[in-house]
Amino acid sequence: MAHYLIGDIQGCNAALGQLLEKIDFSPSRDTLYVLGDLVNRGPDSLATLERLMAFGNSAKCLLGNHDLNLLAIACGVRKAHRKDTLNPILESPKLDAFIHWLKHQKMAMRQNIQHHDVLMVHAGVFPSWTASKTIALANEIELVLQHASNNALKTFLHDMYGDEPQQWRDDLQGNPRLRVIVNVLTRMRFCMPDGTMEFKTKDSAEAAPMGFMPWFDVPNRATQKTIVAFGHWSTLGWLNRTDVYALDGGCVWGGYLNALKLSDQPDTTNNKSPKDNVRNTTPIERIRVKCLAEQVPQAFQSLRRT
């Protein structure tokens, strides 16, 4: 049995197929943990959903910002953006099945994988949140998606958009509380040491606005002793540290679709963190496939990364 973490697919079904072939994935034997943004901007989001759904419990998926965007559009509370490539799903006779399945995916997962305690999110973890608290807060969103009335669900999907509040507080209630949870788990890249978040900058870690830093570099972060695996940040590049794995390879922009295999074998990959003083000793193996230019229409390649 093998366990694979997979970065943002974003509708690149051909690349996903190549990756699964490369790792010799068998749903009867192996497990995939997909870190969100399953759909959108790529050429075949519908086939991507069909493939992942067919794997049943062998594909455990997170919801990313693009997946929530699909839910909001399908529920009629948000108009599709010109960059979105979701029409085949929205026009499919299977739309209800797709939406039902998406609503039952996770906002965060914590698994003991081959003796490694791994917390999985799409984007980030608030500095003061422990792994247990992250799962509990993610569950608040999952309960709304799965059990709220139609009107309450529409209100949530409408109100989840926005940058305020910029900080988490335990006394937050209602949709402002849910909005912060969504923003942390699906949008966050940079924050201040006090947790104040910034959402405009989408460049590399070195481009942090003054006073801000990557969320995973905040001193005394509550999850620093837990491995946090995430996607979302294609300009960050591959990151392999003792405390974080960044897996978004920008496949939809002509980059790579990354998979990370966790095992009990000695690490022979010699992947190092960008920080010279941090070296990963966790046994892992990185597998990736290049998204070929012909798999990504030129119109998609020219779009700004989001």
C-alpha atoms as a PDB file:
ATOM      1  CA  MET A   1       0.000   0.000   0.000  1.00  0.00           C
ATOM      2  CA  ALA A   2       1.323   3.412  -0.999  1.00  0.00           C
ATOM      3  CA  HIS A   3       0.201   6.876   0.130  1.00  0.00           C
ATOM      4  CA  TYR A   4       0.531   9.854  -2.209  1.00  0.00           C
ATOM      5  CA  LEU A   5      -0.056  13.562  -1.611  1.00  0.00           C
ATOM      6  CA  ILE A   6      -0.966  15.381  -4.834  1.00  0.00           C
ATOM      7  CA  GLY A   7      -0.852  19.118  -5.516  1.00  0.00           C
ATOM      8  CA  ASP A   8      -3.281  21.327  -7.425  1.00  0.00           C
ATOM      9  CA  ILE A   9      -4.749  19.511 -10.441  1.00  0.00           C
ATOM     10  CA  GLN A  10      -7.061  22.322 -11.628  1.00  0.00           C
ATOM     11  CA  GLY A  11      -8.719  20.273 -14.330  1.00  0.00           C
ATOM     12  CA  CYS A  12      -5.494  18.947 -15.881  1.00  0.00           C
ATOM     13  CA  ASN A  13      -6.900  15.459 -16.257  1.00  0.00           C
ATOM     14  CA  ALA A  14      -4.344  14.331 -18.847  1.00  0.00           C
ATOM     15  CA  ALA A  15      -1.471  15.205 -16.518  1.00  0.00           C
ATOM     16  CA  LEU A  16      -3.255  13.444 -13.668  1.00  0.00           C
ATOM     17  CA  GLY A  17      -3.588  10.334 -15.799  1.00  0.00           C
ATOM     18  CA  GLN A  18       0.109  10.436 -16.664  1.00  0.00           C
ATOM     19  CA  LEU A  19       1.031  10.871 -13.010  1.00  0.00           C
ATOM     20  CA  LEU A  20      -1.140   7.959 -11.893  1.00  0.00           C
ATOM     21  CA  GLU A  21       0.388   5.782 -14.580  1.00  0.00           C
ATOM     22  CA  LYS A  22       3.880   6.818 -13.509  1.00  0.00           C
ATOM     23  CA  ILE A  23       3.253   5.830  -9.888  1.00  0.00           C
ATOM     24  CA  ASP A  24       1.354   2.687 -10.925  1.00  0.00           C
ATOM     25  CA  PHE A  25      -1.602   3.787  -8.809  1.00  0.00           C
ATOM     26  CA  SER A  26      -4.127   1.109  -7.899  1.00  0.00           C
ATOM     27  CA  PRO A  27      -7.299   2.231  -6.053  1.00  0.00           C
ATOM     28  CA  SER A  28      -7.600  -1.242  -4.544  1.00  0.00           C
ATOM     29  CA  ARG A  29      -4.156  -0.885  -2.979  1.00  0.00           C
ATOM     30  CA  ASP A  30      -3.102   2.776  -2.741  1.00  0.00           C
ATOM     31  CA  THR A  31      -4.489   6.050  -1.384  1.00  0.00           C
ATOM     32  CA  LEU A  32      -4.380   9.541  -2.863  1.00  0.00           C
ATOM     33  CA  TYR A  33      -4.607  12.699  -0.748  1.00  0.00           C
ATOM     34  CA  VAL A  34      -5.427  15.561  -3.122  1.00  0.00           C
ATOM     35  CA  LEU A  35      -4.730  19.005  -1.659  1.00  0.00           C
ATOM     36  CA  GLY A  36      -7.557  20.975  -3.244  1.00  0.00           C
ATOM     37  CA  ASP A  37      -8.211  22.957  -6.419  1.00  0.00           C
ATOM     38  CA  LEU A  38      -9.342  19.866  -8.219  1.00  0.00           C
ATOM     39  CA  VAL A  39     -11.000  21.949 -10.931  1.00  0.00           C
ATOM     40  CA  ASN A  40     -10.890  25.168 -12.955  1.00  0.00           C
ATOM     41  CA  ARG A  41      -8.554  26.983 -15.338  1.00  0.00           C
ATOM     42  CA  GLY A  42      -7.436  23.662 -16.853  1.00  0.00           C
ATOM     43  CA  PRO A  43      -8.919  22.006 -19.951  1.00  0.00           C
ATOM     44  CA  ASP A  44     -10.887  19.093 -18.458  1.00  0.00           C
ATOM     45  CA  SER A  45     -12.318  19.649 -15.002  1.00  0.00           C
ATOM     46  CA  LEU A  46     -15.281  17.362 -15.677  1.00  0.00           C
ATOM     47  CA  ALA A  47     -13.095  14.342 -16.446  1.00  0.00           C
ATOM     48  CA  THR A  48     -10.945  15.145 -13.415  1.00  0.00           C
ATOM     49  CA  LEU A  49     -13.967  14.981 -11.117  1.00  0.00           C
ATOM     50  CA  GLU A  50     -15.211  11.797 -12.758  1.00  0.00           C
ATOM     51  CA  ARG A  51     -11.829  10.140 -12.276  1.00  0.00           C
ATOM     52  CA  LEU A  52     -11.479  11.130  -8.621  1.00  0.00           C
ATOM     53  CA  MET A  53     -15.071  10.187  -7.808  1.00  0.00           C
ATOM     54  CA  ALA A  54     -14.576   6.755  -9.376  1.00  0.00           C
ATOM     55  CA  PHE A  55     -11.719   6.048  -6.964  1.00  0.00           C
ATOM     56  CA  GLY A  56     -14.110   6.118  -4.007  1.00  0.00           C
ATOM     57  CA  ASN A  57     -12.398   6.080  -0.623  1.00  0.00           C
ATOM     58  CA  SER A  58      -9.017   5.676  -2.306  1.00  0.00           C
ATOM     59  CA  ALA A  59      -9.055   9.384  -3.222  1.00  0.00           C
ATOM     60  CA  LYS A  60      -9.379  11.684  -0.228  1.00  0.00           C
ATOM     61  CA  CYS A  61      -9.771  15.253  -1.449  1.00  0.00           C
ATOM     62  CA  LEU A  62      -9.663  18.721   0.042  1.00  0.00           C
ATOM     63  CA  LEU A  63     -11.654  21.673  -1.225  1.00  0.00           C
ATOM     64  CA  GLY A  64      -9.654  24.620  -2.529  1.00  0.00           C
ATOM     65  CA  ASN A  65     -10.767  28.106  -3.490  1.00  0.00           C
ATOM     66  CA  HIS A  66     -11.578  27.021  -7.058  1.00  0.00           C
ATOM     67  CA  ASP A  67     -13.720  24.139  -5.818  1.00  0.00           C
ATOM     68  CA  LEU A  68     -15.677  26.462  -3.525  1.00  0.00           C
ATOM     69  CA  ASN A  69     -16.035  28.828  -6.471  1.00  0.00           C
ATOM     70  CA  LEU A  70     -17.684  26.027  -8.449  1.00  0.00           C
ATOM     71  CA  LEU A  71     -20.128  25.413  -5.599  1.00  0.00           C
ATOM     72  CA  ALA A  72     -20.995  29.115  -5.438  1.00  0.00           C
ATOM     73  CA  ILE A  73     -21.608  29.318  -9.194  1.00  0.00           C
ATOM     74  CA  ALA A  74     -23.660  26.121  -9.226  1.00  0.00           C
ATOM     75  CA  CYS A  75     -25.806  27.446  -6.363  1.00  0.00           C
ATOM     76  CA  GLY A  76     -26.469  30.658  -8.270  1.00  0.00           C
ATOM     77  CA  VAL A  77     -24.828  33.089  -5.860  1.00  0.00           C
ATOM     78  CA  ARG A  78     -21.822  33.927  -8.024  1.00  0.00           C
ATOM     79  CA  LYS A  79     -21.301  34.484 -11.735  1.00  0.00           C
ATOM     80  CA  ALA A  80     -18.597  32.592 -13.574  1.00  0.00           C
ATOM     81  CA  HIS A  81     -15.432  34.589 -14.219  1.00  0.00           C
ATOM     82  CA  ARG A  82     -14.151  34.905 -17.767  1.00  0.00           C
ATOM     83  CA  LYS A  83     -11.116  32.824 -16.736  1.00  0.00           C
ATOM     84  CA  ASP A  84     -13.235  29.976 -15.377  1.00  0.00           C
ATOM     85  CA  THR A  85     -13.405  26.743 -17.370  1.00  0.00           C
ATOM     86  CA  LEU A  86     -16.305  25.146 -15.537  1.00  0.00           C
ATOM     87  CA  ASN A  87     -19.078  25.156 -18.145  1.00  0.00           C
ATOM     88  CA  PRO A  88     -18.791  21.442 -19.011  1.00  0.00           C
ATOM     89  CA  ILE A  89     -19.511  20.641 -15.356  1.00  0.00           C
ATOM     90  CA  LEU A  90     -22.252  23.241 -14.988  1.00  0.00           C
ATOM     91  CA  GLU A  91     -23.966  21.994 -18.153  1.00  0.00           C
ATOM     92  CA  SER A  92     -23.536  18.312 -17.355  1.00  0.00           C
ATOM     93  CA  PRO A  93     -26.541  16.109 -16.529  1.00  0.00           C
ATOM     94  CA  LYS A  94     -24.357  14.849 -13.665  1.00  0.00           C
ATOM     95  CA  LEU A  95     -24.087  18.306 -12.078  1.00  0.00           C
ATOM     96  CA  ASP A  96     -26.101  17.353  -8.992  1.00  0.00           C
ATOM     97  CA  ALA A  97     -23.862  14.332  -8.391  1.00  0.00           C
ATOM     98  CA  PHE A  98     -20.727  16.445  -8.792  1.00  0.00           C
ATOM     99  CA  ILE A  99     -22.008  19.056  -6.344  1.00  0.00           C
ATOM    100  CA  HIS A 100     -23.103  16.435  -3.818  1.00  0.00           C
ATOM    101  CA  TRP A 101     -19.672  14.810  -3.943  1.00  0.00           C
ATOM    102  CA  LEU A 102     -17.804  18.115  -3.613  1.00  0.00           C
ATOM    103  CA  LYS A 103     -19.899  19.142  -0.614  1.00  0.00           C
ATOM    104  CA  HIS A 104     -18.789  15.967   1.152  1.00  0.00           C
ATOM    105  CA  GLN A 105     -15.057  16.528   0.717  1.00  0.00           C
ATOM    106  CA  LYS A 106     -12.872  17.919   3.488  1.00  0.00           C
ATOM    107  CA  MET A 107     -11.561  21.396   4.254  1.00  0.00           C
ATOM    108  CA  ALA A 108      -8.609  19.935   6.169  1.00  0.00           C
ATOM    109  CA  MET A 109      -7.352  16.449   6.939  1.00  0.00           C
ATOM    110  CA  ARG A 110      -5.011  15.018   9.526  1.00  0.00           C
ATOM    111  CA  GLN A 111      -3.660  11.550   8.939  1.00  0.00           C
ATOM    112  CA  ASN A 112      -0.989   9.332  10.381  1.00  0.00           C
ATOM    113  CA  ILE A 113       0.602   8.208   7.135  1.00  0.00           C
ATOM    114  CA  GLN A 114       3.386   5.654   7.412  1.00  0.00           C
ATOM    115  CA  HIS A 115       4.058   6.885  10.974  1.00  0.00           C
ATOM    116  CA  HIS A 116       4.139  10.546   9.900  1.00  0.00           C
ATOM    117  CA  ASP A 117       1.640  12.971  11.480  1.00  0.00           C
ATOM    118  CA  VAL A 118       0.511  15.018   8.475  1.00  0.00           C
ATOM    119  CA  LEU A 119      -1.923  17.942   8.523  1.00  0.00           C
ATOM    120  CA  MET A 120      -3.248  18.677   5.033  1.00  0.00           C
ATOM    121  CA  VAL A 121      -4.785  21.982   3.947  1.00  0.00           C
ATOM    122  CA  HIS A 122      -5.191  23.686   0.607  1.00  0.00           C
ATOM    123  CA  ALA A 123      -3.504  27.000   1.462  1.00  0.00           C
ATOM    124  CA  GLY A 124      -2.438  27.583   5.037  1.00  0.00           C
ATOM    125  CA  VAL A 125      -2.884  27.313   8.787  1.00  0.00           C
ATOM    126  CA  PHE A 126      -3.353  30.318  11.066  1.00  0.00           C
ATOM    127  CA  PRO A 127      -0.244  30.732  13.275  1.00  0.00           C
ATOM    128  CA  SER A 128      -2.084  30.213  16.568  1.00  0.00           C
ATOM    129  CA  TRP A 129      -4.078  27.184  15.419  1.00  0.00           C
ATOM    130  CA  THR A 130      -2.947  23.768  16.564  1.00  0.00           C
ATOM    131  CA  ALA A 131      -3.493  20.821  14.256  1.00  0.00           C
ATOM    132  CA  SER A 132      -6.495  19.724  16.328  1.00  0.00           C
ATOM    133  CA  LYS A 133      -8.022  23.199  16.248  1.00  0.00           C
ATOM    134  CA  THR A 134      -7.500  23.404  12.485  1.00  0.00           C
ATOM    135  CA  ILE A 135      -9.483  20.196  12.007  1.00  0.00           C
ATOM    136  CA  ALA A 136     -12.231  21.394  14.365  1.00  0.00           C
ATOM    137  CA  LEU A 137     -12.606  24.727  12.547  1.00  0.00           C
ATOM    138  CA  ALA A 138     -12.531  23.023   9.150  1.00  0.00           C
ATOM    139  CA  ASN A 139     -15.376  20.858  10.391  1.00  0.00           C
ATOM    140  CA  GLU A 140     -17.493  23.977  10.942  1.00  0.00           C
ATOM    141  CA  ILE A 141     -17.330  24.671   7.197  1.00  0.00           C
ATOM    142  CA  GLU A 142     -17.955  21.023   6.330  1.00  0.00           C
ATOM    143  CA  LEU A 143     -21.095  20.986   8.475  1.00  0.00           C
ATOM    144  CA  VAL A 144     -22.483  24.002   6.626  1.00  0.00           C
ATOM    145  CA  LEU A 145     -21.734  22.501   3.215  1.00  0.00           C
ATOM    146  CA  GLN A 146     -23.296  19.165   4.089  1.00  0.00           C
ATOM    147  CA  HIS A 147     -26.181  19.999   6.392  1.00  0.00           C
ATOM    148  CA  ALA A 148     -27.271  23.628   5.991  1.00  0.00           C
ATOM    149  CA  SER A 149     -30.616  24.426   4.392  1.00  0.00           C
ATOM    150  CA  ASN A 150     -30.520  25.622   0.795  1.00  0.00           C
ATOM    151  CA  ASN A 151     -31.004  29.237   1.864  1.00  0.00           C
ATOM    152  CA  ALA A 152     -28.354  29.020   4.593  1.00  0.00           C
ATOM    153  CA  LEU A 153     -25.919  27.380   2.179  1.00  0.00           C
ATOM    154  CA  LYS A 154     -26.468  30.104  -0.405  1.00  0.00           C
ATOM    155  CA  THR A 155     -25.948  32.781   2.236  1.00  0.00           C
ATOM    156  CA  PHE A 156     -22.694  31.167   3.335  1.00  0.00           C
ATOM    157  CA  LEU A 157     -21.380  30.771  -0.225  1.00  0.00           C
ATOM    158  CA  HIS A 158     -22.259  34.394  -0.975  1.00  0.00           C
ATOM    159  CA  ASP A 159     -20.783  35.786   2.236  1.00  0.00           C
ATOM    160  CA  MET A 160     -17.569  33.720   2.229  1.00  0.00           C
ATOM    161  CA  TYR A 161     -16.036  36.187  -0.252  1.00  0.00           C
ATOM    162  CA  GLY A 162     -14.111  39.112   1.198  1.00  0.00           C
ATOM    163  CA  ASP A 163     -10.842  39.898   2.979  1.00  0.00           C
ATOM    164  CA  GLU A 164     -12.274  40.943   6.329  1.00  0.00           C
ATOM    165  CA  PRO A 165     -11.716  40.148   9.128  1.00  0.00           C
ATOM    166  CA  GLN A 166      -7.988  39.920   8.449  1.00  0.00           C
ATOM    167  CA  GLN A 167      -7.277  38.102  11.703  1.00  0.00           C
ATOM    168  CA  TRP A 168      -8.716  35.158  13.537  1.00  0.00           C
ATOM    169  CA  ARG A 169     -10.382  35.723  16.908  1.00  0.00           C
ATOM    170  CA  ASP A 170     -12.003  33.000  18.958  1.00  0.00           C
ATOM    171  CA  ASP A 171     -15.017  35.218  19.640  1.00  0.00           C
ATOM    172  CA  LEU A 172     -15.924  35.608  15.955  1.00  0.00           C
ATOM    173  CA  GLN A 173     -19.400  34.344  15.136  1.00  0.00           C
ATOM    174  CA  GLY A 174     -21.629  33.726  12.140  1.00  0.00           C
ATOM    175  CA  ASN A 175     -20.464  34.276   8.586  1.00  0.00           C
ATOM    176  CA  PRO A 176     -17.489  36.525   9.543  1.00  0.00           C
ATOM    177  CA  ARG A 177     -16.141  33.567  11.530  1.00  0.00           C
ATOM    178  CA  LEU A 178     -16.725  31.164   8.653  1.00  0.00           C
ATOM    179  CA  ARG A 179     -15.169  33.614   6.173  1.00  0.00           C
ATOM    180  CA  VAL A 180     -11.916  33.788   8.135  1.00  0.00           C
ATOM    181  CA  ILE A 181     -11.748  30.000   8.345  1.00  0.00           C
ATOM    182  CA  VAL A 182     -12.282  29.720   4.582  1.00  0.00           C
ATOM    183  CA  ASN A 183      -9.695  32.418   3.871  1.00  0.00           C
ATOM    184  CA  VAL A 184      -7.068  30.749   6.036  1.00  0.00           C
ATOM    185  CA  LEU A 185      -7.612  27.279   4.640  1.00  0.00           C
ATOM    186  CA  THR A 186      -8.028  28.197   0.964  1.00  0.00           C
ATOM    187  CA  ARG A 187      -6.439  31.611   0.297  1.00  0.00           C
ATOM    188  CA  MET A 188      -3.701  32.534   2.765  1.00  0.00           C
ATOM    189  CA  ARG A 189      -0.095  32.960   1.670  1.00  0.00           C
ATOM    190  CA  PHE A 190       1.340  35.840   3.692  1.00  0.00           C
ATOM    191  CA  CYS A 191       0.625  37.114   7.176  1.00  0.00           C
ATOM    192  CA  MET A 192       2.211  39.218   9.899  1.00  0.00           C
ATOM    193  CA  PRO A 193       3.626  37.669  13.075  1.00  0.00           C
ATOM    194  CA  ASP A 194       0.339  38.575  14.793  1.00  0.00           C
ATOM    195  CA  GLY A 195      -1.620  36.686  12.120  1.00  0.00           C
ATOM    196  CA  THR A 196      -2.888  39.656  10.093  1.00  0.00           C
ATOM    197  CA  MET A 197      -3.406  38.236   6.596  1.00  0.00           C
ATOM    198  CA  GLU A 198      -2.676  39.743   3.178  1.00  0.00           C
ATOM    199  CA  PHE A 199      -4.382  38.342   0.078  1.00  0.00           C
ATOM    200  CA  LYS A 200      -3.275  40.494  -2.862  1.00  0.00           C
ATOM    201  CA  THR A 201       0.295  39.240  -3.262  1.00  0.00           C
ATOM    202  CA  LYS A 202       0.555  35.992  -5.234  1.00  0.00           C
ATOM    203  CA  ASP A 203       4.259  36.012  -6.010  1.00  0.00           C
ATOM    204  CA  SER A 204       7.080  33.993  -4.460  1.00  0.00           C
ATOM    205  CA  ALA A 205       7.995  33.998  -0.781  1.00  0.00           C
ATOM    206  CA  GLU A 206      10.744  36.531  -1.471  1.00  0.00           C
ATOM    207  CA  ALA A 207       8.090  39.024  -2.633  1.00  0.00           C
ATOM    208  CA  ALA A 208       6.444  39.287   0.776  1.00  0.00           C
ATOM    209  CA  PRO A 209       5.028  42.773   1.427  1.00  0.00           C
ATOM    210  CA  MET A 210       6.787  44.775   4.109  1.00  0.00           C
ATOM    211  CA  GLY A 211       5.977  43.407   7.536  1.00  0.00           C
ATOM    212  CA  PHE A 212       4.573  40.150   6.166  1.00  0.00           C
ATOM    213  CA  MET A 213       6.062  36.694   5.771  1.00  0.00           C
ATOM    214  CA  PRO A 214       4.942  33.285   4.504  1.00  0.00           C
ATOM    215  CA  TRP A 215       2.478  31.868   7.019  1.00  0.00           C
ATOM    216  CA  PHE A 216       4.713  28.848   7.642  1.00  0.00           C
ATOM    217  CA  ASP A 217       7.651  31.063   8.687  1.00  0.00           C
ATOM    218  CA  VAL A 218       5.821  32.843  11.519  1.00  0.00           C
ATOM    219  CA  PRO A 219       7.879  32.333  14.707  1.00  0.00           C
ATOM    220  CA  ASN A 220       6.415  29.878  17.225  1.00  0.00           C
ATOM    221  CA  ARG A 221       3.687  28.733  14.839  1.00  0.00           C
ATOM    222  CA  ALA A 222       1.485  26.282  16.757  1.00  0.00           C
ATOM    223  CA  THR A 223       1.836  23.587  14.079  1.00  0.00           C
ATOM    224  CA  GLN A 224       5.608  23.787  13.732  1.00  0.00           C
ATOM    225  CA  LYS A 225       6.028  20.268  15.156  1.00  0.00           C
ATOM    226  CA  THR A 226       3.459  18.824  12.748  1.00  0.00           C
ATOM    227  CA  ILE A 227       4.126  18.263   9.060  1.00  0.00           C
ATOM    228  CA  VAL A 228       1.786  20.574   7.126  1.00  0.00           C
ATOM    229  CA  ALA A 229       1.222  19.701   3.469  1.00  0.00           C
ATOM    230  CA  PHE A 230      -0.409  22.298   1.232  1.00  0.00           C
ATOM    231  CA  GLY A 231      -0.860  23.478  -2.346  1.00  0.00           C
ATOM    232  CA  HIS A 232      -2.329  26.751  -3.678  1.00  0.00           C
ATOM    233  CA  TRP A 233       0.959  28.642  -4.063  1.00  0.00           C
ATOM    234  CA  SER A 234       2.372  27.819  -7.503  1.00  0.00           C
ATOM    235  CA  THR A 235       4.954  30.622  -7.426  1.00  0.00           C
ATOM    236  CA  LEU A 236       6.419  29.260  -4.198  1.00  0.00           C
ATOM    237  CA  GLY A 237       7.775  26.187  -5.916  1.00  0.00           C
ATOM    238  CA  TRP A 238       8.600  22.802  -4.435  1.00  0.00           C
ATOM    239  CA  LEU A 239       9.262  23.041  -0.707  1.00  0.00           C
ATOM    240  CA  ASN A 240      10.454  20.102   1.350  1.00  0.00           C
ATOM    241  CA  ARG A 241      11.199  20.913   4.987  1.00  0.00           C
ATOM    242  CA  THR A 242      10.885  19.084   8.262  1.00  0.00           C
ATOM    243  CA  ASP A 243       7.660  20.974   8.959  1.00  0.00           C
ATOM    244  CA  VAL A 244       6.070  21.778   5.579  1.00  0.00           C
ATOM    245  CA  TYR A 245       5.595  20.299   2.126  1.00  0.00           C
ATOM    246  CA  ALA A 246       4.469  22.653  -0.662  1.00  0.00           C
ATOM    247  CA  LEU A 247       3.123  20.700  -3.631  1.00  0.00           C
ATOM    248  CA  ASP A 248       1.554  23.158  -6.099  1.00  0.00           C
ATOM    249  CA  GLY A 249       3.775  22.895  -9.169  1.00  0.00           C
ATOM    250  CA  GLY A 250       1.692  25.192 -11.378  1.00  0.00           C
ATOM    251  CA  CYS A 251       0.606  22.355 -13.649  1.00  0.00           C
ATOM    252  CA  VAL A 252      -2.213  24.390 -15.166  1.00  0.00           C
ATOM    253  CA  TRP A 253       0.315  27.047 -16.223  1.00  0.00           C
ATOM    254  CA  GLY A 254       2.570  24.560 -17.988  1.00  0.00           C
ATOM    255  CA  GLY A 255       4.441  23.532 -14.854  1.00  0.00           C
ATOM    256  CA  TYR A 256       4.396  20.241 -12.972  1.00  0.00           C
ATOM    257  CA  LEU A 257       1.800  18.121 -11.245  1.00  0.00           C
ATOM    258  CA  ASN A 258       3.562  16.990  -8.086  1.00  0.00           C
ATOM    259  CA  ALA A 259       3.002  13.865  -6.049  1.00  0.00           C
ATOM    260  CA  LEU A 260       4.770  13.030  -2.831  1.00  0.00           C
ATOM    261  CA  LYS A 261       5.028   9.437  -1.661  1.00  0.00           C
ATOM    262  CA  LEU A 262       5.442   8.912   2.059  1.00  0.00           C
ATOM    263  CA  SER A 263       7.232   5.752   3.073  1.00  0.00           C
ATOM    264  CA  ASP A 264       9.239   4.147   5.837  1.00  0.00           C
ATOM    265  CA  GLN A 265      12.313   3.850   3.653  1.00  0.00           C
ATOM    266  CA  PRO A 266      15.410   6.058   4.069  1.00  0.00           C
ATOM    267  CA  ASP A 267      15.163   9.325   2.172  1.00  0.00           C
ATOM    268  CA  THR A 268      17.407   9.178  -0.876  1.00  0.00           C
ATOM    269  CA  THR A 269      15.982  12.202  -2.693  1.00  0.00           C
ATOM    270  CA  ASN A 270      18.317  14.738  -1.040  1.00  0.00           C
ATOM    271  CA  ASN A 271      15.726  17.461  -1.518  1.00  0.00           C
ATOM    272  CA  LYS A 272      16.602  20.478   0.595  1.00  0.00           C
ATOM    273  CA  SER A 273      14.662  23.430   1.842  1.00  0.00           C
ATOM    274  CA  PRO A 274      15.413  26.821   0.311  1.00  0.00           C
ATOM    275  CA  LYS A 275      16.747  27.620   3.764  1.00  0.00           C
ATOM    276  CA  ASP A 276      20.230  26.145   4.031  1.00  0.00           C
ATOM    277  CA  ASN A 277      19.855  25.433   7.723  1.00  0.00           C
ATOM    278  CA  VAL A 278      16.755  23.256   7.313  1.00  0.00           C
ATOM    279  CA  ARG A 279      17.046  19.754   5.914  1.00  0.00           C
ATOM    280  CA  ASN A 280      14.208  17.263   5.644  1.00  0.00           C
ATOM    281  CA  THR A 281      14.878  13.847   7.133  1.00  0.00           C
ATOM    282  CA  THR A 282      11.348  12.515   6.585  1.00  0.00           C
ATOM    283  CA  PRO A 283      11.342   9.520   4.201  1.00  0.00           C
ATOM    284  CA  ILE A 284       9.647  10.796   1.058  1.00  0.00           C
ATOM    285  CA  GLU A 285       9.801  10.405  -2.677  1.00  0.00           C
ATOM    286  CA  ARG A 286       8.803  13.144  -5.090  1.00  0.00           C
ATOM    287  CA  ILE A 287       7.162  12.161  -8.371  1.00  0.00           C
ATOM    288  CA  ARG A 288       6.094  14.701 -10.963  1.00  0.00           C
ATOM    289  CA  VAL A 289       4.887  15.000 -14.528  1.00  0.00           C
ATOM    290  CA  LYS A 290       5.225  17.976 -16.829  1.00  0.00           C
ATOM    291  CA  CYS A 291       2.007  19.449 -18.152  1.00  0.00           C
ATOM    292  CA  LEU A 292       2.727  19.573 -21.873  1.00  0.00           C
ATOM    293  CA  ALA A 293       1.899  22.761 -23.750  1.00  0.00           C
ATOM    294  CA  GLU A 294      -0.565  20.955 -26.004  1.00  0.00           C
ATOM    295  CA  GLN A 295      -2.543  19.930 -22.915  1.00  0.00           C
ATOM    296  CA  VAL A 296      -3.065  23.557 -21.930  1.00  0.00           C
ATOM    297  CA  PRO A 297      -4.749  25.760 -24.542  1.00  0.00           C
ATOM    298  CA  GLN A 298      -2.894  28.979 -25.268  1.00  0.00           C
ATOM    299  CA  ALA A 299      -5.754  31.013 -23.825  1.00  0.00           C
ATOM    300  CA  PHE A 300      -5.180  29.350 -20.438  1.00  0.00           C
ATOM    301  CA  GLN A 301      -1.402  29.728 -20.560  1.00  0.00           C
ATOM    302  CA  SER A 302      -1.727  33.491 -20.921  1.00  0.00           C
ATOM    303  CA  LEU A 303      -3.988  33.914 -17.890  1.00  0.00           C
ATOM    304  CA  ARG A 304      -2.547  35.373 -14.711  1.00  0.00           C
ATOM    305  CA  ARG A 305      -1.922  32.816 -11.994  1.00  0.00           C
ATOM    306  CA  THR A 306      -4.490  32.812  -9.188  1.00  0.00           C
END
